[in-house]
Every structure is written in structure tokens, then in C-alpha cells.
Amino acid sequence: MSEKETSLPGDENTAENQAGTETPAEPSLEEQLRQAHEERLRALAELENAKRRLEREKEDFRKFAIEAVLADLLPVLDNLDLALTHGRDIEACSGLVTGVDMTVKMFLETLARHGLEQVGKTGDDFDPAWAEAVGIAEHNAEGPDRVVQILQKGYRLKGRIIRPAKVMIAKGS
């Protein structure tokens, strides 16, 4: 072998070998344009979804911003109801009871204008979505699993329970 014919191992980068190997083809301009268009559409859709989500969150915030304040007022309402219950038994308190009763009615009307409503009443079927059963009572007049006594009133604000009612239910047969 002469010097010109000698080839070194690994020195196979000849013109023939380079022409035979394929390099990954770059995407055409049309393909790049299509991909960019799809990415733009995805970004626009994500932006629109984010706008809708923020609008929903803003509406929920507006709707339920007073929830904590109303929840804090419920014990006051409970105490006024308790005062009425006990005051009705005392003849000397009749004028005071009338005034407190009018105040409670006005208070409830104000709370109702802001979306607060009482949930459940005696005789309703027990529903754990709005009530918490704290006891079972023998009661013949009501059917099984019916509310026979409300121990603490429950309230919901625009459809969302902010305090479940505490109730006694009739024993199932």
C-alpha cells in the first residue's frame, strides 16, 4: 500500500458517505406557518378561558363577600329569638317583646334582601345537605326520618349553606 491508498480507521467521511446519510429535514415554511397559527389559536383559547374563569371568580366573590359578616350575625339573631321565646312567657315584658319582635322581623327582611334565607322546618324530610341531626326522637305524628324539632336554625346565602340547622329527627320504623 502506498501512502495515498492508506486509510485510517474512522476516517470514513468521504463524499460518498456524506451524500448517503440523511439529515433531518427542516419543516417547510408552510408547516412552520401552520404550527404558529395553531399555537396562536391555543393561546387565544387559553386567554378566553382565563377571562371566563376570572369573571366567574369575581362574580362569586361579589356574591359571597358578605358571607362572613352574615355568619357572624347569626348568633345575634339566635339570641334575639331566644329573648322572644322567653319574654313571651312574662306578661310584664309584652311591650318589650313586641318591640324586639318588630326588630327581628326587620332584621330578617334586611338579611333576606342580601340573599340569606332560613333552611328547613319541622315536618320536612331530613336532608344532610342542609341539616345536622343531633338526636333521634320517638314521634308518632311524623314519618320516619322527618324533622320533629329544630334546635338551631340553619341558613343559606344565595344557595350556599353557611350554617346547617341542628335538628331532632323521628325514629325510623
N, C-alpha and C. Protein backbone atom coordinates (compact mmCIF):
# COMPACT_ATOMS: atom_id res chain seq x y z
N MET A 1 0.81 -1.16 0.00
CA MET A 1 0.00 0.00 0.00
C MET A 1 0.86 1.24 0.00
N SER A 2 0.42 2.16 -0.74
CA SER A 2 1.16 3.40 -0.78
C SER A 2 0.54 4.37 0.21
N GLU A 3 1.20 5.50 0.33
CA GLU A 3 0.73 6.50 1.28
C GLU A 3 -0.64 7.03 0.88
N LYS A 4 -0.89 7.14 -0.40
CA LYS A 4 -2.15 7.68 -0.86
C LYS A 4 -3.30 6.70 -0.65
N GLU A 5 -3.02 5.44 -0.67
CA GLU A 5 -4.08 4.45 -0.56
C GLU A 5 -4.39 4.11 0.88
N THR A 6 -3.60 4.51 1.77
CA THR A 6 -3.79 4.17 3.17
C THR A 6 -4.99 4.95 3.72
N SER A 7 -5.86 4.24 4.36
CA SER A 7 -6.97 4.92 5.02
C SER A 7 -6.94 4.59 6.49
N LEU A 8 -7.27 5.55 7.23
CA LEU A 8 -7.25 5.37 8.68
C LEU A 8 -8.63 4.89 9.13
N PRO A 9 -8.66 4.05 10.16
CA PRO A 9 -9.97 3.63 10.65
C PRO A 9 -10.70 4.84 11.23
N GLY A 10 -12.00 4.94 10.98
CA GLY A 10 -12.80 6.05 11.47
C GLY A 10 -12.76 7.24 10.54
N ASP A 11 -11.90 7.23 9.55
CA ASP A 11 -11.83 8.34 8.61
C ASP A 11 -12.67 7.98 7.40
N GLU A 12 -13.93 7.88 7.62
CA GLU A 12 -14.83 7.45 6.56
C GLU A 12 -15.71 8.59 6.09
N ASN A 13 -15.31 9.80 6.30
CA ASN A 13 -16.08 10.97 5.89
C ASN A 13 -15.74 11.33 4.46
N THR A 14 -16.04 10.47 3.62
CA THR A 14 -15.81 10.75 2.21
C THR A 14 -17.06 11.35 1.63
N ALA A 15 -16.98 11.85 0.45
CA ALA A 15 -18.11 12.47 -0.22
C ALA A 15 -19.22 11.46 -0.42
N GLU A 16 -18.85 10.19 -0.64
CA GLU A 16 -19.86 9.17 -0.86
C GLU A 16 -20.67 8.93 0.41
N ASN A 17 -19.97 8.82 1.55
CA ASN A 17 -20.66 8.56 2.81
C ASN A 17 -21.53 9.75 3.22
N GLN A 18 -21.05 10.95 3.00
CA GLN A 18 -21.81 12.14 3.39
C GLN A 18 -23.08 12.27 2.55
N ALA A 19 -23.04 11.91 1.31
CA ALA A 19 -24.20 12.01 0.45
C ALA A 19 -25.23 10.95 0.83
N GLY A 20 -24.81 9.83 1.38
CA GLY A 20 -25.71 8.73 1.70
C GLY A 20 -26.48 8.95 2.99
N THR A 21 -25.93 9.67 3.94
CA THR A 21 -26.63 9.87 5.21
C THR A 21 -27.64 10.99 5.07
N GLU A 22 -28.82 10.78 5.64
CA GLU A 22 -29.87 11.78 5.55
C GLU A 22 -29.87 12.63 6.81
N THR A 23 -29.99 13.92 6.65
CA THR A 23 -30.11 14.81 7.80
C THR A 23 -31.59 15.12 7.97
N PRO A 24 -32.03 15.33 9.21
CA PRO A 24 -33.46 15.62 9.38
C PRO A 24 -33.82 16.90 8.64
N ALA A 25 -34.87 16.80 7.89
CA ALA A 25 -35.28 17.95 7.08
C ALA A 25 -35.96 18.98 7.97
N GLU A 26 -35.65 20.22 7.74
CA GLU A 26 -36.30 21.29 8.48
C GLU A 26 -37.72 21.42 7.96
N PRO A 27 -38.66 21.76 8.86
CA PRO A 27 -40.03 21.90 8.38
C PRO A 27 -40.12 23.02 7.35
N SER A 28 -41.00 22.81 6.43
CA SER A 28 -41.17 23.81 5.37
C SER A 28 -41.79 25.08 5.98
N LEU A 29 -41.73 26.14 5.24
CA LEU A 29 -42.30 27.40 5.72
C LEU A 29 -43.81 27.27 5.94
N GLU A 30 -44.46 26.51 5.09
CA GLU A 30 -45.90 26.30 5.26
C GLU A 30 -46.20 25.56 6.56
N GLU A 31 -45.37 24.55 6.86
CA GLU A 31 -45.54 23.79 8.10
C GLU A 31 -45.29 24.69 9.31
N GLN A 32 -44.27 25.51 9.25
CA GLN A 32 -43.97 26.43 10.34
C GLN A 32 -45.12 27.42 10.53
N LEU A 33 -45.66 27.91 9.43
CA LEU A 33 -46.78 28.84 9.50
C LEU A 33 -48.01 28.17 10.12
N ARG A 34 -48.27 26.93 9.74
CA ARG A 34 -49.41 26.18 10.30
C ARG A 34 -49.23 25.99 11.80
N GLN A 35 -48.01 25.60 12.22
CA GLN A 35 -47.74 25.40 13.65
C GLN A 35 -47.89 26.71 14.43
N ALA A 36 -47.39 27.79 13.87
CA ALA A 36 -47.50 29.09 14.54
C ALA A 36 -48.97 29.50 14.66
N HIS A 37 -49.76 29.22 13.62
CA HIS A 37 -51.19 29.54 13.65
C HIS A 37 -51.90 28.73 14.74
N GLU A 38 -51.58 27.43 14.83
CA GLU A 38 -52.19 26.57 15.85
C GLU A 38 -51.81 27.04 17.26
N GLU A 39 -50.55 27.41 17.45
CA GLU A 39 -50.10 27.91 18.75
C GLU A 39 -50.83 29.20 19.11
N ARG A 40 -51.02 30.06 18.13
CA ARG A 40 -51.74 31.32 18.35
C ARG A 40 -53.18 31.04 18.75
N LEU A 41 -53.83 30.10 18.06
CA LEU A 41 -55.21 29.76 18.39
C LEU A 41 -55.32 29.18 19.80
N ARG A 42 -54.36 28.31 20.17
CA ARG A 42 -54.34 27.74 21.52
C ARG A 42 -54.18 28.84 22.57
N ALA A 43 -53.27 29.76 22.31
CA ALA A 43 -53.03 30.86 23.25
C ALA A 43 -54.28 31.73 23.39
N LEU A 44 -54.96 32.00 22.28
CA LEU A 44 -56.19 32.79 22.34
C LEU A 44 -57.28 32.05 23.13
N ALA A 45 -57.38 30.74 22.92
CA ALA A 45 -58.38 29.95 23.66
C ALA A 45 -58.06 29.94 25.15
N GLU A 46 -56.78 29.79 25.51
CA GLU A 46 -56.39 29.83 26.92
C GLU A 46 -56.70 31.19 27.54
N LEU A 47 -56.46 32.24 26.79
CA LEU A 47 -56.75 33.59 27.27
C LEU A 47 -58.25 33.76 27.50
N GLU A 48 -59.04 33.29 26.57
CA GLU A 48 -60.50 33.40 26.71
C GLU A 48 -60.99 32.59 27.92
N ASN A 49 -60.45 31.39 28.12
CA ASN A 49 -60.81 30.58 29.28
C ASN A 49 -60.42 31.27 30.58
N ALA A 50 -59.25 31.88 30.60
CA ALA A 50 -58.80 32.60 31.80
C ALA A 50 -59.72 33.79 32.09
N LYS A 51 -60.15 34.49 31.04
CA LYS A 51 -61.09 35.62 31.23
C LYS A 51 -62.39 35.12 31.84
N ARG A 52 -62.93 34.01 31.30
CA ARG A 52 -64.18 33.47 31.82
C ARG A 52 -64.04 33.03 33.27
N ARG A 53 -62.91 32.36 33.58
CA ARG A 53 -62.68 31.90 34.95
C ARG A 53 -62.59 33.08 35.91
N LEU A 54 -61.87 34.13 35.52
CA LEU A 54 -61.75 35.32 36.37
C LEU A 54 -63.11 36.00 36.56
N GLU A 55 -63.90 36.04 35.52
CA GLU A 55 -65.23 36.64 35.62
C GLU A 55 -66.10 35.84 36.60
N ARG A 56 -66.04 34.49 36.51
CA ARG A 56 -66.79 33.65 37.45
C ARG A 56 -66.32 33.87 38.88
N GLU A 57 -64.99 33.91 39.07
CA GLU A 57 -64.44 34.13 40.41
C GLU A 57 -64.85 35.49 40.95
N LYS A 58 -64.84 36.49 40.09
CA LYS A 58 -65.24 37.84 40.51
C LYS A 58 -66.72 37.85 40.91
N GLU A 59 -67.55 37.18 40.13
CA GLU A 59 -68.98 37.10 40.44
C GLU A 59 -69.21 36.36 41.76
N ASP A 60 -68.50 35.24 41.96
CA ASP A 60 -68.62 34.50 43.22
C ASP A 60 -68.16 35.36 44.40
N PHE A 61 -67.08 36.10 44.21
CA PHE A 61 -66.59 36.96 45.28
C PHE A 61 -67.65 38.00 45.63
N ARG A 62 -68.22 38.61 44.59
CA ARG A 62 -69.25 39.62 44.81
C ARG A 62 -70.45 39.00 45.53
N LYS A 63 -70.81 37.80 45.10
CA LYS A 63 -72.00 37.14 45.64
C LYS A 63 -71.81 36.75 47.10
N PHE A 64 -70.61 36.27 47.44
CA PHE A 64 -70.40 35.71 48.78
C PHE A 64 -69.48 36.54 49.66
N ALA A 65 -69.21 37.78 49.28
CA ALA A 65 -68.32 38.63 50.08
C ALA A 65 -68.88 38.89 51.47
N ILE A 66 -70.19 38.93 51.60
CA ILE A 66 -70.78 39.23 52.89
C ILE A 66 -71.03 37.97 53.73
N GLU A 67 -70.61 36.82 53.24
CA GLU A 67 -70.88 35.57 53.94
C GLU A 67 -70.34 35.58 55.36
N ALA A 68 -69.11 36.01 55.56
CA ALA A 68 -68.51 36.01 56.90
C ALA A 68 -69.25 36.95 57.84
N VAL A 69 -69.64 38.11 57.34
CA VAL A 69 -70.38 39.07 58.17
C VAL A 69 -71.73 38.49 58.58
N LEU A 70 -72.43 37.90 57.61
CA LEU A 70 -73.74 37.32 57.92
C LEU A 70 -73.60 36.15 58.89
N ALA A 71 -72.58 35.33 58.71
CA ALA A 71 -72.35 34.21 59.63
C ALA A 71 -72.09 34.73 61.05
N ASP A 72 -71.41 35.86 61.17
CA ASP A 72 -71.16 36.45 62.50
C ASP A 72 -72.43 37.04 63.10
N LEU A 73 -73.40 37.42 62.28
CA LEU A 73 -74.65 37.99 62.78
C LEU A 73 -75.65 36.92 63.22
N LEU A 74 -75.46 35.68 62.79
CA LEU A 74 -76.42 34.63 63.12
C LEU A 74 -76.56 34.39 64.63
N PRO A 75 -75.47 34.38 65.42
CA PRO A 75 -75.65 34.23 66.87
C PRO A 75 -76.47 35.38 67.49
N VAL A 76 -76.34 36.58 66.94
CA VAL A 76 -77.14 37.71 67.42
C VAL A 76 -78.62 37.42 67.16
N LEU A 77 -78.92 36.93 65.96
CA LEU A 77 -80.29 36.58 65.61
C LEU A 77 -80.80 35.46 66.53
N ASP A 78 -79.95 34.47 66.81
CA ASP A 78 -80.34 33.39 67.73
C ASP A 78 -80.70 33.94 69.10
N ASN A 79 -79.91 34.88 69.60
CA ASN A 79 -80.17 35.45 70.92
C ASN A 79 -81.46 36.27 70.94
N LEU A 80 -81.73 36.98 69.86
CA LEU A 80 -82.99 37.72 69.79
C LEU A 80 -84.18 36.76 69.78
N ASP A 81 -84.07 35.66 69.05
CA ASP A 81 -85.14 34.65 69.04
C ASP A 81 -85.33 34.04 70.43
N LEU A 82 -84.22 33.78 71.11
CA LEU A 82 -84.28 33.23 72.46
C LEU A 82 -84.95 34.23 73.42
N ALA A 83 -84.62 35.51 73.29
CA ALA A 83 -85.25 36.54 74.12
C ALA A 83 -86.75 36.58 73.87
N LEU A 84 -87.15 36.46 72.61
CA LEU A 84 -88.58 36.44 72.29
C LEU A 84 -89.27 35.23 72.90
N THR A 85 -88.65 34.09 72.79
CA THR A 85 -89.23 32.86 73.32
C THR A 85 -89.46 32.97 74.82
N HIS A 86 -88.48 33.44 75.54
CA HIS A 86 -88.60 33.54 77.00
C HIS A 86 -89.44 34.75 77.41
N GLY A 87 -89.38 35.83 76.68
CA GLY A 87 -90.13 37.04 77.03
C GLY A 87 -91.62 36.89 76.86
N ARG A 88 -92.06 36.03 75.95
CA ARG A 88 -93.50 35.83 75.71
C ARG A 88 -94.19 35.23 76.93
N ASP A 89 -93.42 34.54 77.77
CA ASP A 89 -94.00 33.90 78.96
C ASP A 89 -94.20 34.90 80.11
N ILE A 90 -93.65 36.09 79.99
CA ILE A 90 -93.72 37.07 81.08
C ILE A 90 -94.63 38.22 80.64
N GLU A 91 -95.74 38.37 81.33
CA GLU A 91 -96.74 39.39 80.98
C GLU A 91 -96.17 40.80 81.04
N ALA A 92 -95.31 41.08 81.98
CA ALA A 92 -94.76 42.42 82.15
C ALA A 92 -93.85 42.82 81.00
N CYS A 93 -93.38 41.87 80.22
CA CYS A 93 -92.45 42.14 79.11
C CYS A 93 -93.16 42.26 77.77
N SER A 94 -94.48 42.31 77.75
CA SER A 94 -95.19 42.27 76.47
C SER A 94 -94.82 43.43 75.55
N GLY A 95 -94.64 44.62 76.08
CA GLY A 95 -94.24 45.76 75.24
C GLY A 95 -92.85 45.57 74.67
N LEU A 96 -91.94 45.10 75.50
CA LEU A 96 -90.57 44.84 75.06
C LEU A 96 -90.55 43.73 74.00
N VAL A 97 -91.33 42.69 74.23
CA VAL A 97 -91.40 41.57 73.28
C VAL A 97 -91.91 42.06 71.93
N THR A 98 -92.91 42.93 71.94
CA THR A 98 -93.44 43.47 70.69
C THR A 98 -92.36 44.25 69.93
N GLY A 99 -91.60 45.06 70.65
CA GLY A 99 -90.52 45.84 70.02
C GLY A 99 -89.41 44.95 69.48
N VAL A 100 -89.01 43.94 70.26
CA VAL A 100 -87.96 43.02 69.80
C VAL A 100 -88.45 42.21 68.61
N ASP A 101 -89.73 41.81 68.65
CA ASP A 101 -90.30 41.05 67.54
C ASP A 101 -90.27 41.87 66.25
N MET A 102 -90.63 43.14 66.34
CA MET A 102 -90.59 44.01 65.16
C MET A 102 -89.15 44.18 64.66
N THR A 103 -88.21 44.29 65.59
CA THR A 103 -86.79 44.43 65.22
C THR A 103 -86.29 43.17 64.52
N VAL A 104 -86.66 42.01 65.05
CA VAL A 104 -86.24 40.74 64.43
C VAL A 104 -86.81 40.63 63.02
N LYS A 105 -88.07 40.98 62.84
CA LYS A 105 -88.68 40.91 61.50
C LYS A 105 -87.95 41.83 60.52
N MET A 106 -87.64 43.05 60.97
CA MET A 106 -86.92 43.98 60.10
C MET A 106 -85.51 43.46 59.80
N PHE A 107 -84.87 42.88 60.81
CA PHE A 107 -83.53 42.31 60.65
C PHE A 107 -83.56 41.17 59.62
N LEU A 108 -84.56 40.29 59.74
CA LEU A 108 -84.68 39.17 58.79
C LEU A 108 -84.97 39.65 57.37
N GLU A 109 -85.79 40.68 57.23
CA GLU A 109 -86.07 41.24 55.90
C GLU A 109 -84.80 41.83 55.28
N THR A 110 -84.01 42.49 56.10
CA THR A 110 -82.75 43.06 55.61
C THR A 110 -81.80 41.95 55.16
N LEU A 111 -81.69 40.91 55.98
CA LEU A 111 -80.82 39.79 55.62
C LEU A 111 -81.32 39.09 54.35
N ALA A 112 -82.63 38.97 54.21
CA ALA A 112 -83.21 38.34 53.02
C ALA A 112 -82.90 39.14 51.76
N ARG A 113 -82.88 40.46 51.87
CA ARG A 113 -82.55 41.29 50.70
C ARG A 113 -81.12 41.03 50.23
N HIS A 114 -80.29 40.56 51.12
CA HIS A 114 -78.90 40.25 50.77
C HIS A 114 -78.71 38.77 50.45
N GLY A 115 -79.81 38.02 50.34
CA GLY A 115 -79.73 36.64 49.89
C GLY A 115 -79.72 35.59 50.97
N LEU A 116 -79.90 35.98 52.23
CA LEU A 116 -79.91 35.00 53.32
C LEU A 116 -81.31 34.46 53.52
N GLU A 117 -81.42 33.14 53.65
CA GLU A 117 -82.72 32.53 53.91
C GLU A 117 -82.56 31.37 54.88
N GLN A 118 -83.61 31.16 55.67
CA GLN A 118 -83.60 30.06 56.62
C GLN A 118 -83.85 28.76 55.87
N VAL A 119 -83.22 27.67 56.32
CA VAL A 119 -83.43 26.38 55.67
C VAL A 119 -84.16 25.44 56.61
N GLY A 120 -85.06 24.67 56.04
CA GLY A 120 -85.76 23.62 56.76
C GLY A 120 -86.79 24.10 57.74
N LYS A 121 -87.73 23.20 58.00
CA LYS A 121 -88.74 23.46 59.01
C LYS A 121 -89.23 22.12 59.54
N THR A 122 -89.91 22.19 60.66
CA THR A 122 -90.45 20.98 61.28
C THR A 122 -91.40 20.29 60.29
N GLY A 123 -91.24 18.98 60.17
CA GLY A 123 -92.07 18.20 59.25
C GLY A 123 -91.39 17.89 57.93
N ASP A 124 -90.31 18.59 57.60
CA ASP A 124 -89.57 18.31 56.37
C ASP A 124 -88.83 16.98 56.48
N ASP A 125 -88.57 16.36 55.34
CA ASP A 125 -87.69 15.19 55.32
C ASP A 125 -86.30 15.64 55.72
N PHE A 126 -85.62 14.80 56.51
CA PHE A 126 -84.25 15.14 56.90
C PHE A 126 -83.34 15.08 55.67
N ASP A 127 -82.54 16.10 55.49
CA ASP A 127 -81.59 16.16 54.39
C ASP A 127 -80.25 16.66 54.93
N PRO A 128 -79.23 15.81 54.92
CA PRO A 128 -77.93 16.23 55.46
C PRO A 128 -77.27 17.35 54.68
N ALA A 129 -77.82 17.72 53.54
CA ALA A 129 -77.27 18.84 52.78
C ALA A 129 -77.55 20.17 53.49
N TRP A 130 -78.60 20.24 54.29
CA TRP A 130 -78.93 21.48 54.98
C TRP A 130 -79.09 21.33 56.49
N ALA A 131 -79.05 20.10 56.99
CA ALA A 131 -79.29 19.89 58.42
C ALA A 131 -78.30 18.90 59.01
N GLU A 132 -78.09 19.05 60.30
CA GLU A 132 -77.24 18.15 61.06
C GLU A 132 -78.13 17.52 62.13
N ALA A 133 -78.28 16.20 62.07
CA ALA A 133 -79.11 15.51 63.06
C ALA A 133 -78.31 15.38 64.35
N VAL A 134 -78.86 15.91 65.43
CA VAL A 134 -78.17 15.82 66.72
C VAL A 134 -78.86 14.84 67.65
N GLY A 135 -79.99 14.30 67.22
CA GLY A 135 -80.68 13.32 68.04
C GLY A 135 -81.85 12.72 67.31
N ILE A 136 -82.33 11.60 67.88
CA ILE A 136 -83.48 10.89 67.31
C ILE A 136 -84.56 10.87 68.38
N ALA A 137 -85.79 11.17 67.98
CA ALA A 137 -86.90 11.22 68.93
C ALA A 137 -87.99 10.25 68.52
N GLU A 138 -88.66 9.68 69.53
CA GLU A 138 -89.86 8.88 69.28
C GLU A 138 -90.96 9.86 68.95
N HIS A 139 -91.53 9.74 67.79
CA HIS A 139 -92.55 10.70 67.39
C HIS A 139 -93.52 10.00 66.46
N ASN A 140 -94.77 9.90 66.87
CA ASN A 140 -95.76 9.18 66.08
C ASN A 140 -96.39 10.02 64.98
N ALA A 141 -96.47 11.33 65.19
CA ALA A 141 -97.16 12.18 64.22
C ALA A 141 -96.40 12.31 62.91
N GLU A 142 -95.09 12.29 62.97
CA GLU A 142 -94.27 12.44 61.77
C GLU A 142 -93.81 11.07 61.28
N GLY A 143 -93.51 10.98 60.00
CA GLY A 143 -92.97 9.75 59.45
C GLY A 143 -91.52 9.58 59.84
N PRO A 144 -90.94 8.44 59.52
CA PRO A 144 -89.53 8.21 59.87
C PRO A 144 -88.61 9.18 59.11
N ASP A 145 -87.53 9.53 59.76
CA ASP A 145 -86.51 10.42 59.18
C ASP A 145 -87.07 11.79 58.80
N ARG A 146 -88.03 12.26 59.55
CA ARG A 146 -88.58 13.61 59.34
C ARG A 146 -88.14 14.48 60.50
N VAL A 147 -87.98 15.76 60.22
CA VAL A 147 -87.56 16.70 61.25
C VAL A 147 -88.73 16.93 62.21
N VAL A 148 -88.49 16.64 63.51
CA VAL A 148 -89.54 16.83 64.50
C VAL A 148 -89.28 18.07 65.36
N GLN A 149 -88.03 18.53 65.41
CA GLN A 149 -87.71 19.72 66.19
C GLN A 149 -86.45 20.37 65.63
N ILE A 150 -86.47 21.68 65.53
CA ILE A 150 -85.28 22.42 65.11
C ILE A 150 -84.67 23.03 66.37
N LEU A 151 -83.46 22.60 66.69
CA LEU A 151 -82.78 23.11 67.88
C LEU A 151 -82.02 24.39 67.59
N GLN A 152 -81.48 24.51 66.40
CA GLN A 152 -80.81 25.74 65.97
C GLN A 152 -81.11 25.93 64.49
N LYS A 153 -81.58 27.10 64.14
CA LYS A 153 -81.94 27.38 62.75
C LYS A 153 -80.71 27.35 61.86
N GLY A 154 -80.92 26.88 60.63
CA GLY A 154 -79.86 26.87 59.64
C GLY A 154 -80.15 27.92 58.58
N TYR A 155 -79.09 28.38 57.91
CA TYR A 155 -79.25 29.44 56.92
C TYR A 155 -78.39 29.15 55.69
N ARG A 156 -78.88 29.65 54.55
CA ARG A 156 -78.10 29.58 53.32
C ARG A 156 -78.06 30.97 52.71
N LEU A 157 -76.95 31.24 52.05
CA LEU A 157 -76.75 32.51 51.36
C LEU A 157 -76.67 32.23 49.88
N LYS A 158 -77.67 32.68 49.15
CA LYS A 158 -77.72 32.52 47.69
C LYS A 158 -77.42 31.08 47.26
N GLY A 159 -78.05 30.14 47.98
CA GLY A 159 -77.91 28.74 47.62
C GLY A 159 -76.81 27.99 48.35
N ARG A 160 -75.91 28.68 49.01
CA ARG A 160 -74.80 28.02 49.71
C ARG A 160 -75.10 28.01 51.22
N ILE A 161 -75.03 26.82 51.82
CA ILE A 161 -75.28 26.70 53.26
C ILE A 161 -74.14 27.38 54.01
N ILE A 162 -74.51 28.33 54.89
CA ILE A 162 -73.47 28.96 55.72
C ILE A 162 -73.54 28.46 57.16
N ARG A 163 -74.70 27.88 57.54
CA ARG A 163 -74.80 27.19 58.81
C ARG A 163 -75.92 26.17 58.70
N PRO A 164 -75.60 24.88 58.88
CA PRO A 164 -76.66 23.87 58.81
C PRO A 164 -77.55 23.96 60.05
N ALA A 165 -78.81 23.58 59.89
CA ALA A 165 -79.73 23.53 61.02
C ALA A 165 -79.36 22.32 61.88
N LYS A 166 -79.52 22.47 63.18
CA LYS A 166 -79.34 21.35 64.11
C LYS A 166 -80.74 20.87 64.47
N VAL A 167 -81.02 19.59 64.17
CA VAL A 167 -82.39 19.10 64.27
C VAL A 167 -82.47 17.76 65.00
N MET A 168 -83.68 17.48 65.49
CA MET A 168 -84.04 16.16 66.00
C MET A 168 -84.89 15.52 64.91
N ILE A 169 -84.66 14.24 64.66
CA ILE A 169 -85.45 13.57 63.62
C ILE A 169 -86.24 12.42 64.23
N ALA A 170 -87.33 12.06 63.56
CA ALA A 170 -88.18 10.97 64.02
C ALA A 170 -87.47 9.65 63.79
N LYS A 171 -87.66 8.75 64.73
CA LYS A 171 -87.04 7.43 64.63
C LYS A 171 -87.65 6.66 63.47
N GLY A 172 -86.78 6.03 62.67
CA GLY A 172 -87.25 5.23 61.55
C GLY A 172 -87.89 3.95 62.04
N SER A 173 -88.87 3.43 61.28
CA SER A 173 -89.56 2.22 61.73
C SER A 173 -88.89 0.98 61.22
